[in-house]
Amino acid sequence: MYNIGLIFIIGFFAYLIFRRMNYQEGFETSDNTSTSTTSSTTSSTTSSSTNGIAGNSTNYLAQIKAQTIKYNDSFNITNYRTQYENIILSMDDLINNLMLQTVLSINQENPQQSLIQLGQLNNAKSGLNNVMKFIDSK
């Protein structure tokens, strides 16, 4: 039972990571295909502008702001706030149950692994709390 919950959590975070990577790839391709005159300019500065150092910081900031706007538009928090809050609360309950299961099944001879898992679950709860604060601020 514990393995199923752990797989679910890992899968959820992997989904979020891969989803974010898809948005970034879409953002880069839309910049490179804008116009023929800017295409050569953006393709030559794409690799150097990704670091945001010195003269590239303005372009880097613009990319970050554009990406943030895309996320805000795709999440549509104002319309789906209740559903997002319910998802976060359900995930919090799941993590609480996984934490209890971890505590109740600690290997007395080698408790370090269980304590590490407990710490990771606690960090996940902290992350959920931050996401809830973000949703409440919108």
Protein backbone atom coordinates (compact mmCIF):
# COMPACT_ATOMS: atom_id res chain seq x y z
CA MET A 1 0.00 0.00 0.00
CA TYR A 2 2.84 2.37 0.87
CA ASN A 3 4.51 1.69 -2.49
CA ILE A 4 1.35 2.61 -4.38
CA GLY A 5 1.13 5.95 -2.60
CA LEU A 6 4.81 6.65 -3.16
CA ILE A 7 4.48 5.79 -6.86
CA PHE A 8 1.47 8.11 -7.07
CA ILE A 9 3.41 11.01 -5.54
CA ILE A 10 6.47 10.42 -7.72
CA GLY A 11 4.24 10.17 -10.79
CA PHE A 12 2.46 13.39 -9.88
CA PHE A 13 5.71 15.32 -9.53
CA ALA A 14 7.08 13.77 -12.73
CA TYR A 15 3.90 14.88 -14.51
CA LEU A 16 4.37 18.44 -13.26
CA ILE A 17 8.03 18.47 -14.34
CA PHE A 18 7.34 17.11 -17.83
CA ARG A 19 4.38 19.42 -18.28
CA ARG A 20 6.57 22.39 -17.42
CA MET A 21 9.24 21.22 -19.88
CA ASN A 22 6.63 21.05 -22.66
CA TYR A 23 5.60 24.65 -22.00
CA GLN A 24 9.22 25.77 -22.17
CA GLU A 25 9.79 23.96 -25.45
CA GLY A 26 6.65 25.52 -26.91
CA PHE A 27 7.83 28.93 -25.79
CA GLU A 28 11.21 28.53 -27.48
CA THR A 29 9.75 27.35 -30.77
CA SER A 30 7.26 30.20 -30.89
CA ASP A 31 10.11 32.69 -30.48
CA ASN A 32 12.20 31.12 -33.21
CA THR A 33 9.35 31.08 -35.75
CA SER A 34 8.07 34.62 -35.29
CA THR A 35 9.47 36.36 -38.40
CA SER A 36 12.30 35.81 -40.80
CA THR A 37 14.24 38.89 -39.70
CA THR A 38 13.93 38.18 -36.00
CA SER A 39 14.37 34.46 -36.51
CA SER A 40 18.05 34.80 -37.29
CA THR A 41 18.51 37.20 -34.38
CA THR A 42 16.69 35.05 -31.84
CA SER A 43 18.34 31.84 -32.97
CA SER A 44 21.78 33.38 -32.51
CA THR A 45 20.93 34.77 -29.07
CA THR A 46 18.78 31.92 -27.79
CA SER A 47 21.69 29.97 -26.36
CA SER A 48 23.39 33.02 -24.86
CA SER A 49 20.22 34.67 -23.58
CA THR A 50 19.15 31.70 -21.50
CA ASN A 51 21.62 32.50 -18.75
CA GLY A 52 20.40 36.05 -18.01
CA ILE A 53 23.89 37.39 -17.40
CA ALA A 54 24.72 41.06 -18.09
CA GLY A 55 23.35 42.24 -21.45
CA ASN A 56 21.15 39.16 -21.79
CA SER A 57 19.28 39.85 -18.56
CA THR A 58 16.61 41.96 -20.30
CA ASN A 59 15.79 39.17 -22.76
CA TYR A 60 15.89 36.62 -19.97
CA LEU A 61 13.45 38.68 -17.88
CA ALA A 62 11.09 39.03 -20.85
CA GLN A 63 11.15 35.25 -21.37
CA ILE A 64 10.36 34.63 -17.70
CA LYS A 65 7.48 37.11 -17.74
CA ALA A 66 6.06 35.61 -20.94
CA GLN A 67 6.28 32.11 -19.46
CA THR A 68 4.54 33.28 -16.28
CA ILE A 69 1.70 34.78 -18.32
CA LYS A 70 1.31 31.49 -20.22
CA TYR A 71 1.06 29.54 -16.97
CA ASN A 72 -1.43 32.00 -15.48
CA ASP A 73 -3.58 31.75 -18.61
CA SER A 74 -3.46 27.97 -18.72
CA PHE A 75 -4.27 27.46 -15.03
CA ASN A 76 -7.16 29.96 -15.01
CA ILE A 77 -7.05 30.03 -11.21
CA THR A 78 -9.97 32.44 -10.81
CA ASN A 79 -12.37 29.95 -12.42
CA TYR A 80 -10.92 26.73 -11.00
CA ARG A 81 -9.80 27.89 -7.55
CA THR A 82 -12.17 25.58 -5.67
CA GLN A 83 -11.10 22.50 -7.63
CA TYR A 84 -7.41 23.32 -7.18
CA GLU A 85 -7.89 23.85 -3.45
CA ASN A 86 -9.74 20.54 -3.17
CA ILE A 87 -6.93 18.76 -5.02
CA ILE A 88 -4.33 20.25 -2.70
CA LEU A 89 -6.36 19.33 0.39
CA SER A 90 -6.75 15.76 -0.88
CA MET A 91 -3.02 15.53 -1.56
CA ASP A 92 -2.38 16.81 1.97
CA ASP A 93 -4.62 14.06 3.37
CA LEU A 94 -2.80 11.48 1.26
CA ILE A 95 0.58 12.68 2.50
CA ASN A 96 -0.66 12.65 6.11
CA ASN A 97 -1.73 9.03 5.69
CA LEU A 98 1.58 8.12 4.08
CA MET A 99 3.43 9.83 6.94
CA LEU A 100 1.41 7.86 9.50
CA GLN A 101 2.07 4.64 7.62
CA THR A 102 5.78 5.46 7.55
CA VAL A 103 5.86 6.11 11.29
CA LEU A 104 3.96 2.92 12.06
CA SER A 105 6.23 0.79 9.89
CA ILE A 106 9.67 2.08 10.90
CA ASN A 107 12.31 -0.61 10.85
CA GLN A 108 13.65 -0.58 14.41
CA GLU A 109 17.04 -1.91 13.34
CA ASN A 110 17.53 0.64 10.54
CA PRO A 111 15.25 3.65 11.14
CA GLN A 112 17.25 6.05 8.94
CA GLN A 113 15.49 5.14 5.69
CA SER A 114 12.05 5.64 7.21
CA LEU A 115 13.11 8.93 8.75
CA ILE A 116 14.38 10.10 5.36
CA GLN A 117 11.04 9.17 3.80
CA LEU A 118 9.24 10.98 6.60
CA GLY A 119 11.32 14.09 5.95
CA GLN A 120 10.57 13.94 2.21
CA LEU A 121 6.86 13.64 2.91
CA ASN A 122 7.08 16.58 5.30
CA ASN A 123 8.80 18.62 2.56
CA ALA A 124 5.97 17.68 0.18
CA LYS A 125 3.46 19.03 2.74
CA SER A 126 5.43 22.26 2.89
CA GLY A 127 5.34 22.46 -0.90
CA LEU A 128 1.57 21.95 -0.91
CA ASN A 129 1.23 24.70 1.67
CA ASN A 130 3.18 27.06 -0.59
CA VAL A 131 1.01 26.15 -3.57
CA MET A 132 -2.11 26.84 -1.51
CA LYS A 133 -0.74 30.24 -0.51
CA PHE A 134 -0.05 30.98 -4.17
CA ILE A 135 -3.61 30.04 -5.18
CA ASP A 136 -5.06 32.11 -2.34
CA SER A 137 -3.02 35.13 -3.47
CA LYS A 138 -4.58 35.07 -6.96
